[in-house]
Amino acid sequence: MTTRRGQPAARPARPGAQRPTIRRGSGRRTRPVRRASAGLTPVRAGALLALLAALAGLYGLIASSAFEARRTEITGAVWTPQDQIAAALAIPSGQNLFTVNPAALARRLDGIPAIQAASVTVALPDEIKVAVTERQALVVWQVAGQRYLVDDTGLLFAELGGQPPAAAAALPVIDDERALSTSLGVGSTLDPVTLDAALRLGSLTPADLGSSATGLAIKVDDADGFTVSSVPAGWDAVFGFYTPTLRTTDLIPGQVRLLRSLLYGRESKVGRIILADDHSGTYLPRGSLMPSATPTPTAAPRATPRPTPRPTPRPTPSATLTPKPSPTAKPSATAKP
């Protein structure tokens, strides 16, 4: 192969490296695709009409008086008066049910301590249903003439009025006469030790003690701690004070057994019983002097100093003139015969 001088020789083409040639004008022409117009089609018009009809219907429902709230049904409330629940809900008169927010209404009941949980539902055409779950009352706490319900956490969650529900009659009553207890009220919480002792003693019945009494009265004060008394009045059993570590409420079952043994065969003669612990106890007959469970030592009286008698001043005799004796006349001399 000859090349011209000064020009490089052409490299042989690799097999398969040649690009295929495309012949122009040999293919068929395709028609351009025309898109549908964005105008209002019958289907779209129908959908828009249905949406407008739905909006008009919704407006009619909201504006109609047929769906106004006329009734409120409250279930599950035992300790909480229904008028208190209705006042907390504060549902406007004539409010349309389609504008009611059930969750917001349920949250309004969180401010009532007696209610633990609540749910609100709407029932067409004109009713709102409220279901409440109240705290479980275990004992009645009486302070200065006021009575409160206490749950298992020690919370005083409601006050019993002059006409309490019938369920309150089955609850034990603890008469708290401690000086610091006058500050208790709804929302206060008892300490765990006091609550535990009250629940243990409050669960006792006369049959548990082998007693012929018709009932039991429980009191706690600053002098003796917890005291259980027979009803009608007959005997008093001093259980004392309890603490978290030194004198725990675990003593109570043993104290109950000890009290039962002390009452056996002599209940009509026993006046006051002092249960020092679960093994030691003493009693005094009725009519005898009743000492306190923890007598306070009395200081010995101080000796009253006797007044020192003052010497009675003797009267000073007034000076009297003592007459001087007159000189005795000497006998005259007698003439001798």
Protein backbone atom coordinates (compact mmCIF):
# COMPACT_ATOMS: atom_id res chain seq x y z
CA MET A 1 0.00 0.00 0.00
CA THR A 2 1.55 3.23 -1.06
CA THR A 3 1.13 6.50 0.71
CA ARG A 4 2.13 9.89 -0.09
CA ARG A 5 5.19 11.23 1.49
CA GLY A 6 4.52 13.06 4.71
CA GLN A 7 1.11 11.53 5.40
CA PRO A 8 0.61 8.75 7.99
CA ALA A 9 -0.80 5.53 6.84
CA ALA A 10 -4.47 4.96 7.63
CA ARG A 11 -5.19 2.37 10.27
CA PRO A 12 -7.36 -0.51 9.22
CA ALA A 13 -10.85 -0.34 10.63
CA ARG A 14 -11.71 -2.78 13.38
CA PRO A 15 -14.47 -5.16 12.66
CA GLY A 16 -17.69 -4.05 14.23
CA ALA A 17 -16.38 -0.58 14.96
CA GLN A 18 -18.11 1.01 12.04
CA ARG A 19 -21.28 2.87 12.94
CA PRO A 20 -24.34 1.80 11.07
CA THR A 21 -25.53 4.22 8.52
CA ILE A 22 -28.96 5.66 8.91
CA ARG A 23 -30.90 6.38 5.92
CA ARG A 24 -32.99 9.40 6.23
CA GLY A 25 -36.38 9.59 4.74
CA SER A 26 -36.86 5.89 4.61
CA GLY A 27 -39.15 5.55 7.79
CA ARG A 28 -42.89 6.14 8.12
CA ARG A 29 -44.22 9.38 9.45
CA THR A 30 -46.30 9.15 12.70
CA ARG A 31 -49.20 11.42 13.42
CA PRO A 32 -48.76 13.83 16.36
CA VAL A 33 -50.74 12.90 19.51
CA ARG A 34 -53.29 15.47 20.41
CA ARG A 35 -54.16 15.80 24.10
CA ALA A 36 -57.72 16.18 25.31
CA SER A 37 -58.86 19.68 26.03
CA ALA A 38 -58.83 20.85 29.71
CA GLY A 39 -62.33 22.19 29.41
CA LEU A 40 -65.36 21.15 31.48
CA THR A 41 -66.41 17.66 30.57
CA PRO A 42 -69.74 16.10 31.57
CA VAL A 43 -67.98 13.88 34.12
CA ARG A 44 -66.27 16.83 35.78
CA ALA A 45 -69.41 18.82 35.76
CA GLY A 46 -71.26 16.02 37.51
CA ALA A 47 -68.58 15.70 40.19
CA LEU A 48 -68.60 19.43 40.83
CA LEU A 49 -72.35 19.44 41.09
CA ALA A 50 -72.26 16.60 43.62
CA LEU A 51 -69.68 18.47 45.72
CA LEU A 52 -71.81 21.61 45.76
CA ALA A 53 -74.82 19.58 46.76
CA ALA A 54 -72.87 17.99 49.63
CA LEU A 55 -71.71 21.38 50.87
CA ALA A 56 -75.23 22.73 50.68
CA GLY A 57 -76.51 19.70 52.57
CA LEU A 58 -73.86 20.10 55.27
CA TYR A 59 -74.73 23.74 55.68
CA GLY A 60 -78.36 22.77 55.97
CA LEU A 61 -77.54 20.25 58.69
CA ILE A 62 -75.53 22.79 60.65
CA ALA A 63 -78.16 25.48 60.32
CA SER A 64 -81.08 23.16 61.01
CA SER A 65 -82.68 23.15 64.46
CA ALA A 66 -83.44 19.46 64.13
CA PHE A 67 -79.92 18.59 65.33
CA GLU A 68 -79.66 20.90 68.31
CA ALA A 69 -78.51 19.41 71.63
CA ARG A 70 -81.58 19.05 73.77
CA ARG A 71 -80.67 16.18 76.10
CA THR A 72 -77.55 15.15 78.03
CA GLU A 73 -77.38 11.61 79.40
CA ILE A 74 -74.86 11.04 82.24
CA THR A 75 -74.00 7.52 83.39
CA GLY A 76 -71.56 6.12 85.95
CA ALA A 77 -71.80 8.98 88.47
CA VAL A 78 -72.38 7.86 92.07
CA TRP A 79 -70.50 10.37 94.23
CA THR A 80 -70.57 13.32 91.82
CA PRO A 81 -73.89 15.18 91.45
CA GLN A 82 -75.12 15.30 87.87
CA ASP A 83 -75.67 19.05 88.03
CA GLN A 84 -71.96 19.45 88.87
CA ILE A 85 -71.04 17.45 85.76
CA ALA A 86 -73.45 19.43 83.59
CA ALA A 87 -72.00 22.70 84.90
CA ALA A 88 -68.47 21.54 84.07
CA LEU A 89 -69.48 20.54 80.53
CA ALA A 90 -71.07 23.96 79.92
CA ILE A 91 -72.78 22.93 76.66
CA PRO A 92 -74.45 26.02 75.14
CA SER A 93 -78.19 25.80 74.79
CA GLY A 94 -79.20 24.89 71.25
CA GLN A 95 -75.70 23.97 70.07
CA ASN A 96 -75.76 21.94 66.87
CA LEU A 97 -74.46 18.43 67.34
CA PHE A 98 -72.29 18.65 64.23
CA THR A 99 -70.26 21.38 65.92
CA VAL A 100 -69.70 19.48 69.19
CA ASN A 101 -66.12 18.40 70.00
CA PRO A 102 -66.49 15.30 72.22
CA ALA A 103 -62.81 15.15 73.20
CA ALA A 104 -62.83 18.79 74.33
CA LEU A 105 -65.94 18.18 76.43
CA ALA A 106 -64.35 15.15 78.12
CA ARG A 107 -61.29 17.21 79.06
CA ARG A 108 -63.52 19.68 80.90
CA LEU A 109 -64.34 16.97 83.45
CA ASP A 110 -60.68 16.56 84.43
CA GLY A 111 -61.14 19.32 87.00
CA ILE A 112 -63.53 17.21 89.11
CA PRO A 113 -61.38 15.15 91.58
CA ALA A 114 -63.97 12.39 91.91
CA ILE A 115 -63.91 11.60 88.16
CA GLN A 116 -61.03 9.39 87.08
CA ALA A 117 -61.95 9.13 83.37
CA ALA A 118 -64.75 10.30 81.06
CA SER A 119 -65.94 9.84 77.49
CA VAL A 120 -68.41 11.93 75.47
CA THR A 121 -70.33 10.79 72.39
CA VAL A 122 -72.99 12.35 70.16
CA ALA A 123 -76.26 10.54 69.45
CA LEU A 124 -78.34 11.99 66.62
CA PRO A 125 -80.60 13.74 66.41
CA ASP A 126 -80.43 15.72 69.68
CA GLU A 127 -78.56 13.90 72.50
CA ILE A 128 -75.08 14.00 74.08
CA LYS A 129 -74.02 10.97 76.11
CA VAL A 130 -71.47 11.27 78.92
CA ALA A 131 -69.99 8.18 80.61
CA VAL A 132 -67.81 8.78 83.68
CA THR A 133 -65.61 6.47 85.75
CA GLU A 134 -65.28 7.65 89.34
CA ARG A 135 -62.61 6.88 91.92
CA GLN A 136 -63.34 3.96 94.21
CA ALA A 137 -64.20 5.08 97.73
CA LEU A 138 -62.74 2.85 100.47
CA VAL A 139 -63.33 4.82 103.66
CA VAL A 140 -65.09 7.92 104.96
CA TRP A 141 -62.79 10.41 106.72
CA GLN A 142 -64.56 12.61 109.27
CA VAL A 143 -62.89 15.83 110.35
CA ALA A 144 -64.59 18.52 112.45
CA GLY A 145 -68.05 17.45 111.34
CA GLN A 146 -67.16 17.23 107.64
CA ARG A 147 -67.02 13.86 105.89
CA TYR A 148 -64.81 13.07 102.88
CA LEU A 149 -64.40 10.05 100.62
CA VAL A 150 -60.91 8.53 100.41
CA ASP A 151 -59.61 6.26 97.62
CA ASP A 152 -56.75 3.74 97.60
CA THR A 153 -54.13 6.48 97.12
CA GLY A 154 -55.25 8.38 100.23
CA LEU A 155 -56.83 11.19 98.19
CA LEU A 156 -59.83 12.95 99.72
CA PHE A 157 -61.69 13.28 96.42
CA ALA A 158 -65.24 14.27 97.39
CA GLU A 159 -67.28 15.61 100.28
CA LEU A 160 -70.39 13.84 101.50
CA GLY A 161 -73.29 16.21 101.88
CA GLY A 162 -76.30 16.05 104.11
CA GLN A 163 -77.97 13.40 101.93
CA PRO A 164 -75.17 11.02 100.89
CA PRO A 165 -75.77 8.19 98.40
CA ALA A 166 -76.88 4.85 99.79
CA ALA A 167 -73.49 3.36 98.93
CA ALA A 168 -71.87 5.47 101.66
CA ALA A 169 -73.59 3.44 104.38
CA ALA A 170 -71.36 0.44 103.61
CA LEU A 171 -68.10 2.37 104.09
CA PRO A 172 -66.19 2.47 107.41
CA VAL A 173 -65.90 5.86 109.09
CA ILE A 174 -62.68 7.14 110.70
CA ASP A 175 -63.18 10.00 113.14
CA ASP A 176 -60.00 12.10 112.97
CA GLU A 177 -59.63 14.29 116.07
CA ARG A 178 -55.98 15.23 115.57
CA ALA A 179 -55.22 18.93 115.83
CA LEU A 180 -53.43 19.16 112.47
CA SER A 181 -56.24 17.38 110.63
CA THR A 182 -58.48 20.44 110.64
CA SER A 183 -56.68 21.59 107.49
CA LEU A 184 -57.77 18.53 105.49
CA GLY A 185 -60.23 18.95 102.62
CA VAL A 186 -61.01 17.83 99.08
CA GLY A 187 -57.69 17.40 97.26
CA SER A 188 -55.69 16.56 100.42
CA THR A 189 -53.83 13.25 100.68
CA LEU A 190 -53.33 11.07 103.76
CA ASP A 191 -49.90 9.66 104.50
CA PRO A 192 -49.52 5.97 103.56
CA VAL A 193 -49.08 4.69 107.13
CA THR A 194 -52.23 6.39 108.40
CA LEU A 195 -54.19 5.17 105.39
CA ASP A 196 -52.98 1.59 105.83
CA ALA A 197 -53.90 1.53 109.53
CA ALA A 198 -57.32 3.02 108.79
CA LEU A 199 -58.09 0.45 106.09
CA ARG A 200 -56.96 -2.46 108.26
CA LEU A 201 -58.95 -1.37 111.31
CA GLY A 202 -61.87 -0.18 109.21
CA SER A 203 -62.33 -3.65 107.75
CA LEU A 204 -62.94 -5.19 111.20
CA THR A 205 -66.38 -6.38 112.25
CA PRO A 206 -67.64 -7.36 115.71
CA ALA A 207 -67.56 -10.99 114.60
CA ASP A 208 -63.81 -10.68 113.90
CA LEU A 209 -63.33 -9.82 117.58
CA GLY A 210 -65.79 -12.32 118.98
CA SER A 211 -67.82 -9.38 120.24
CA SER A 212 -71.55 -9.11 120.79
CA ALA A 213 -71.51 -5.41 119.87
CA THR A 214 -73.70 -4.21 117.01
CA GLY A 215 -70.91 -2.14 115.48
CA LEU A 216 -67.45 -0.65 115.87
CA ALA A 217 -66.33 2.99 116.04
CA ILE A 218 -62.80 3.97 115.02
CA LYS A 219 -61.04 7.11 116.16
CA VAL A 220 -57.55 8.58 115.84
CA ASP A 221 -56.33 11.40 118.07
CA ASP A 222 -53.14 12.92 119.41
CA ALA A 223 -53.37 11.20 122.81
CA ASP A 224 -53.83 7.49 122.03
CA GLY A 225 -53.45 7.14 118.28
CA PHE A 226 -55.98 4.67 116.83
CA THR A 227 -58.76 3.44 119.11
CA VAL A 228 -61.51 0.91 118.36
CA SER A 229 -64.66 1.11 120.49
CA SER A 230 -67.77 -1.02 120.72
CA VAL A 231 -71.17 0.30 119.66
CA PRO A 232 -73.15 0.80 121.83
CA ALA A 233 -70.50 2.15 124.16
CA GLY A 234 -68.93 -0.52 126.30
CA TRP A 235 -65.18 -1.00 125.85
CA ASP A 236 -62.34 0.89 124.17
CA ALA A 237 -59.27 -0.80 122.67
CA VAL A 238 -56.20 1.40 122.18
CA PHE A 239 -54.13 0.21 119.21
CA GLY A 240 -51.79 3.22 119.42
CA PHE A 241 -49.58 4.99 116.89
CA TYR A 242 -47.86 3.49 113.84
CA THR A 243 -44.70 4.49 112.00
CA PRO A 244 -43.00 3.32 108.78
CA THR A 245 -40.20 1.45 110.60
CA LEU A 246 -40.33 1.31 114.41
CA ARG A 247 -43.98 0.36 114.97
CA THR A 248 -45.46 -0.71 111.65
CA THR A 249 -49.02 -1.62 110.77
CA ASP A 250 -47.96 -5.27 110.53
CA LEU A 251 -48.70 -5.41 114.28
CA ILE A 252 -52.44 -5.01 113.68
CA PRO A 253 -53.32 -8.67 112.89
CA GLY A 254 -51.61 -9.79 116.11
CA GLN A 255 -53.27 -7.00 118.07
CA VAL A 256 -56.65 -8.11 116.76
CA ARG A 257 -56.02 -11.70 117.95
CA LEU A 258 -54.89 -10.39 121.33
CA LEU A 259 -58.01 -8.23 121.65
CA ARG A 260 -60.20 -11.18 120.83
CA SER A 261 -58.59 -13.24 123.59
CA LEU A 262 -58.99 -10.43 126.13
CA LEU A 263 -62.68 -10.00 125.31
CA TYR A 264 -63.45 -13.70 125.43
CA GLY A 265 -65.71 -14.47 128.37
CA ARG A 266 -65.36 -11.04 129.97
CA GLU A 267 -66.60 -8.50 127.43
CA SER A 268 -69.32 -7.19 129.73
CA LYS A 269 -66.72 -6.45 132.42
CA VAL A 270 -63.92 -4.97 130.31
CA GLY A 271 -63.69 -1.19 130.12
CA ARG A 272 -60.39 -0.12 128.57
CA ILE A 273 -57.85 -2.28 126.76
CA ILE A 274 -54.32 -1.20 125.92
CA LEU A 275 -52.60 -3.23 123.20
CA ALA A 276 -48.92 -2.45 123.59
CA ASP A 277 -47.99 -4.77 120.71
CA ASP A 278 -49.19 -8.02 119.18
CA HIS A 279 -48.31 -10.05 122.32
CA SER A 280 -48.70 -7.68 125.27
CA GLY A 281 -51.98 -6.18 126.42
CA THR A 282 -53.74 -5.11 129.59
CA TYR A 283 -57.29 -4.19 130.44
CA LEU A 284 -59.16 -2.38 133.17
CA PRO A 285 -62.63 -3.27 134.40
CA ARG A 286 -65.51 -0.97 133.66
CA GLY A 287 -66.01 1.84 136.06
CA SER A 288 -62.38 1.99 137.16
CA LEU A 289 -60.11 4.95 136.59
CA MET A 290 -59.10 5.00 132.94
CA PRO A 291 -55.44 5.95 132.47
CA SER A 292 -54.19 7.04 129.10
CA ALA A 293 -52.23 4.61 126.96
CA THR A 294 -49.12 6.73 127.16
CA PRO A 295 -49.30 8.55 130.47
CA THR A 296 -47.30 11.70 130.67
CA PRO A 297 -45.03 11.79 133.71
CA THR A 298 -46.09 14.41 136.17
CA ALA A 299 -43.43 16.47 137.83
CA ALA A 300 -43.21 16.05 141.60
CA PRO A 301 -44.74 19.00 143.39
CA ARG A 302 -42.30 21.38 144.87
CA ALA A 303 -42.29 21.78 148.62
CA THR A 304 -43.90 25.01 149.59
CA PRO A 305 -41.57 26.79 152.01
CA ARG A 306 -43.17 27.63 155.26
CA PRO A 307 -43.04 31.27 156.15
CA THR A 308 -40.54 31.97 158.88
CA PRO A 309 -42.37 33.48 161.83
CA ARG A 310 -41.14 36.86 162.69
CA PRO A 311 -40.34 37.49 166.36
CA THR A 312 -43.09 39.29 168.06
CA PRO A 313 -41.72 42.54 169.37
CA ARG A 314 -42.02 42.78 173.08
CA PRO A 315 -43.56 45.95 174.40
CA THR A 316 -40.97 48.22 175.90
CA PRO A 317 -42.05 49.17 179.38
CA SER A 318 -42.34 52.85 179.88
CA ALA A 319 -39.89 54.35 182.38
CA THR A 320 -41.44 54.74 185.81
CA LEU A 321 -39.99 56.76 188.57
CA THR A 322 -39.17 54.56 191.50
CA PRO A 323 -39.45 56.57 194.65
CA LYS A 324 -36.29 56.61 196.61
CA PRO A 325 -36.66 55.26 200.10
CA SER A 326 -36.74 57.95 202.63
CA PRO A 327 -33.96 57.81 205.13
CA THR A 328 -34.93 55.89 208.19
CA ALA A 329 -34.79 58.02 211.30
CA LYS A 330 -32.29 56.84 213.71
CA PRO A 331 -33.74 56.03 217.05
CA SER A 332 -33.18 58.75 219.51
CA ALA A 333 -30.92 58.07 222.39
CA THR A 334 -32.73 57.14 225.49
CA ALA A 335 -31.45 58.62 228.68
CA LYS A 336 -30.09 56.16 230.99
CA PRO A 337 -31.55 56.25 234.37
